[in-house]
Amino acid sequence: MADRHLTNAILHGRNRQSGSKRLRSAEIGNIYYLRGYVRTKRYEANARGEISITLLGALDDFRRCKQADPNHPKATGAVEKITQRLRSRIRESLLDFVGPLAIFTAATAVFLFAQLDFFFRDANDRAVFWLPVRSSVIDAKFYVVLTFGALLFMVAGLSLSKVLKIKVPGIELEKASVERVSAPSALDIRRFGSLTGSLKS
């Protein structure tokens, strides 16, 4: 694998005993950049485009490239592109978690209210359950609609991260496909320097 050879080139290039010559900082930086580029291409080959160790490794390589060669012409841009991708993925992951959780929590609250309000509609101690003085769910049909509607949305909340579209009378929930929003090939990090030249060093 190319990144393994590049890793060996970095190790031997810093060691006078094992390497044919000691590489300069700019040359070390170029090898780090090339290894980051290789890892980026491997990440882009993943159709799902998820945050992975490969992408984080590429980010670390580009940062090391900047440390070794602060004047490297492409390392800063590569770091910015990967950082933006990570922020975008984190936001998407957060929305995928918070959205279904909010739907499930709200539906659970409605479900519990419907049960308590219906079964304790004639009770004198309704205030113990934070219920209004008069029952809101007197009609059995209204109770059934609330109960099964809440259950439907509880199930929807649990499965929303796997389902792209849920449609019920009067309400439609739709989630954009992650692959459609930002394809993994959108990083557009370009190669810099010669891969074979760096390995020969």
Protein backbone atom coordinates (compact mmCIF):
# COMPACT_ATOMS: atom_id res chain seq x y z
CA MET A 1 0.00 0.00 0.00
CA ALA A 2 1.18 3.49 -0.89
CA ASP A 3 0.68 4.97 2.59
CA ARG A 4 2.78 2.19 4.13
CA HIS A 5 5.66 2.99 1.76
CA LEU A 6 5.28 6.69 2.52
CA THR A 7 5.35 5.94 6.26
CA ASN A 8 8.59 4.00 5.77
CA ALA A 9 9.99 6.90 3.75
CA ILE A 10 9.26 9.28 6.66
CA LEU A 11 10.84 6.93 9.22
CA HIS A 12 13.97 6.25 7.17
CA GLY A 13 14.25 9.84 5.99
CA ARG A 14 14.62 10.99 9.61
CA ASN A 15 17.04 8.23 10.56
CA ARG A 16 20.57 8.54 9.21
CA GLN A 17 21.38 4.91 10.02
CA SER A 18 18.50 3.34 8.06
CA GLY A 19 17.99 5.91 5.31
CA SER A 20 20.20 6.63 2.32
CA LYS A 21 20.02 10.35 3.11
CA ARG A 22 18.45 12.57 5.74
CA LEU A 23 15.48 14.37 4.25
CA ARG A 24 14.95 18.10 4.70
CA SER A 25 11.83 19.45 6.44
CA ALA A 26 10.26 20.45 3.11
CA GLU A 27 10.78 16.92 1.76
CA ILE A 28 9.29 15.39 4.92
CA GLY A 29 6.36 17.78 4.58
CA ASN A 30 5.83 16.72 0.97
CA ILE A 31 5.75 13.04 1.98
CA TYR A 32 3.19 13.81 4.71
CA TYR A 33 1.10 15.64 2.13
CA LEU A 34 1.28 12.70 -0.28
CA ARG A 35 0.28 10.26 2.45
CA GLY A 36 -2.65 12.51 3.35
CA TYR A 37 -3.60 12.65 -0.32
CA VAL A 38 -3.54 8.83 -0.57
CA ARG A 39 -5.72 8.50 2.53
CA THR A 40 -8.12 11.13 1.19
CA LYS A 41 -8.55 9.16 -2.04
CA ARG A 42 -9.25 6.01 -0.03
CA TYR A 43 -11.87 7.91 1.96
CA GLU A 44 -13.47 9.21 -1.24
CA ALA A 45 -13.73 5.63 -2.53
CA ASN A 46 -16.13 4.93 0.34
CA ALA A 47 -19.58 5.51 -1.20
CA ARG A 48 -21.13 6.37 2.17
CA GLY A 49 -18.65 9.16 2.86
CA GLU A 50 -18.81 8.65 6.62
CA ILE A 51 -16.32 10.08 9.08
CA SER A 52 -13.62 7.44 9.38
CA ILE A 53 -10.15 6.80 10.77
CA THR A 54 -8.88 7.21 7.21
CA LEU A 55 -10.18 10.78 6.94
CA LEU A 56 -8.91 11.70 10.40
CA GLY A 57 -5.52 10.20 9.47
CA ALA A 58 -5.44 12.33 6.31
CA LEU A 59 -6.20 15.45 8.36
CA ASP A 60 -3.37 14.59 10.76
CA ASP A 61 -0.98 14.11 7.80
CA PHE A 62 -1.84 17.51 6.32
CA ARG A 63 -1.32 19.14 9.72
CA ARG A 64 2.04 17.42 10.10
CA CYS A 65 2.89 18.64 6.61
CA LYS A 66 2.21 22.21 7.74
CA GLN A 67 4.40 21.69 10.82
CA ALA A 68 7.28 20.34 8.76
CA ASP A 69 6.86 22.90 5.97
CA PRO A 70 4.81 25.97 7.01
CA ASN A 71 5.13 27.32 3.44
CA HIS A 72 3.66 24.25 1.75
CA PRO A 73 1.34 25.60 -0.97
CA LYS A 74 -1.52 23.11 -0.57
CA ALA A 75 -1.49 21.79 3.00
CA THR A 76 -3.51 24.67 4.47
CA GLY A 77 -6.25 24.29 1.86
CA ALA A 78 -6.39 20.52 2.44
CA VAL A 79 -6.76 21.02 6.21
CA GLU A 80 -9.58 23.53 5.67
CA LYS A 81 -11.46 21.24 3.27
CA ILE A 82 -11.31 18.24 5.59
CA THR A 83 -12.22 20.39 8.61
CA GLN A 84 -15.29 21.68 6.76
CA ARG A 85 -16.26 18.12 5.82
CA LEU A 86 -15.92 16.97 9.44
CA ARG A 87 -18.06 19.88 10.68
CA SER A 88 -20.69 19.09 8.05
CA ARG A 89 -20.75 15.40 9.02
CA ILE A 90 -20.98 16.24 12.72
CA ARG A 91 -23.92 18.59 12.07
CA GLU A 92 -25.67 15.90 9.99
CA SER A 93 -25.05 13.28 12.67
CA LEU A 94 -26.37 15.63 15.36
CA LEU A 95 -29.53 16.34 13.35
CA ASP A 96 -29.97 12.61 12.71
CA PHE A 97 -29.88 12.10 16.49
CA VAL A 98 -31.75 15.17 17.79
CA GLY A 99 -34.59 15.12 15.21
CA PRO A 100 -35.81 11.57 15.87
CA LEU A 101 -35.27 12.04 19.63
CA ALA A 102 -37.43 15.19 19.63
CA ILE A 103 -40.21 13.43 17.68
CA PHE A 104 -40.08 10.38 19.96
CA THR A 105 -40.10 12.51 23.14
CA ALA A 106 -43.03 14.67 21.99
CA ALA A 107 -45.04 11.62 20.88
CA THR A 108 -44.33 9.88 24.19
CA ALA A 109 -45.55 12.94 26.09
CA VAL A 110 -48.79 13.02 24.06
CA PHE A 111 -49.27 9.26 24.56
CA LEU A 112 -48.81 9.49 28.33
CA PHE A 113 -51.09 12.52 28.57
CA ALA A 114 -53.83 10.72 26.60
CA GLN A 115 -53.65 7.66 28.86
CA LEU A 116 -53.62 9.57 32.13
CA ASP A 117 -56.26 12.07 31.04
CA PHE A 118 -58.62 9.36 29.80
CA PHE A 119 -58.30 6.83 32.61
CA PHE A 120 -58.29 9.42 35.40
CA ARG A 121 -61.01 11.64 33.87
CA ASP A 122 -63.29 11.21 36.87
CA ALA A 123 -60.59 11.24 39.55
CA ASN A 124 -60.44 14.02 42.13
CA ASP A 125 -56.64 13.97 42.44
CA ARG A 126 -55.86 14.80 38.78
CA ALA A 127 -53.44 17.51 39.90
CA VAL A 128 -51.07 14.78 41.13
CA PHE A 129 -50.44 13.88 37.47
CA TRP A 130 -50.24 17.56 36.37
CA LEU A 131 -53.56 17.14 34.54
CA PRO A 132 -56.10 19.93 33.98
CA VAL A 133 -59.13 20.00 36.24
CA ARG A 134 -61.41 18.88 33.42
CA SER A 135 -60.57 15.98 31.13
CA SER A 136 -59.66 16.85 27.52
CA VAL A 137 -60.00 13.26 26.28
CA ILE A 138 -63.63 12.44 27.02
CA ASP A 139 -64.59 11.01 23.63
CA ALA A 140 -63.34 7.45 23.00
CA LYS A 141 -62.67 8.23 19.32
CA PHE A 142 -60.50 11.18 20.27
CA TYR A 143 -58.63 8.96 22.73
CA VAL A 144 -58.00 6.30 20.04
CA VAL A 145 -56.76 8.92 17.55
CA LEU A 146 -54.39 10.45 20.11
CA THR A 147 -53.13 7.08 21.31
CA PHE A 148 -52.45 5.49 17.94
CA GLY A 149 -51.22 8.77 16.43
CA ALA A 150 -48.70 9.10 19.26
CA LEU A 151 -47.63 5.46 18.86
CA LEU A 152 -47.16 6.02 15.12
CA PHE A 153 -44.90 8.99 15.73
CA MET A 154 -42.98 7.13 18.45
CA VAL A 155 -42.20 4.39 15.92
CA ALA A 156 -41.38 7.06 13.32
CA GLY A 157 -38.98 8.74 15.74
CA LEU A 158 -37.16 5.48 16.40
CA SER A 159 -36.85 4.62 12.71
CA LEU A 160 -36.47 8.10 11.16
CA SER A 161 -32.69 7.75 10.83
CA LYS A 162 -33.26 4.74 8.52
CA VAL A 163 -36.30 6.02 6.63
CA LEU A 164 -36.12 8.83 4.07
CA LYS A 165 -39.83 9.63 3.90
CA ILE A 166 -42.84 9.11 6.17
CA LYS A 167 -46.27 10.22 5.00
CA VAL A 168 -49.51 10.14 6.99
CA PRO A 169 -52.75 12.07 6.37
CA GLY A 170 -51.98 15.76 6.77
CA ILE A 171 -48.30 15.30 7.74
CA GLU A 172 -45.23 14.43 5.67
CA LEU A 173 -41.71 13.96 7.08
CA GLU A 174 -38.79 13.80 4.69
CA LYS A 175 -35.06 13.50 5.24
CA ALA A 176 -32.51 14.25 2.53
CA SER A 177 -30.13 11.44 1.68
CA VAL A 178 -26.63 12.05 3.04
CA GLU A 179 -25.10 10.82 -0.20
CA ARG A 180 -27.25 13.31 -2.14
CA VAL A 181 -26.36 16.27 0.11
CA SER A 182 -22.59 15.94 -0.05
CA ALA A 183 -20.87 13.28 -2.06
CA PRO A 184 -17.56 12.04 -0.65
CA SER A 185 -15.75 13.02 -3.86
CA ALA A 186 -16.42 16.74 -3.16
CA LEU A 187 -13.22 17.24 -1.12
CA ASP A 188 -11.23 18.05 -4.29
CA ILE A 189 -7.76 17.74 -2.73
CA ARG A 190 -5.09 17.74 -5.43
CA ARG A 191 -1.85 15.84 -5.49
CA PHE A 192 1.37 17.76 -4.97
CA GLY A 193 4.81 16.42 -5.86
CA SER A 194 5.85 13.04 -7.18
CA LEU A 195 4.86 9.88 -5.35
CA THR A 196 7.67 7.80 -6.85
CA GLY A 197 10.21 10.56 -6.27
CA SER A 198 9.34 10.75 -2.61
CA LEU A 199 9.58 6.98 -2.19
CA LYS A 200 13.04 6.94 -3.81
CA SER A 201 14.24 9.50 -1.29
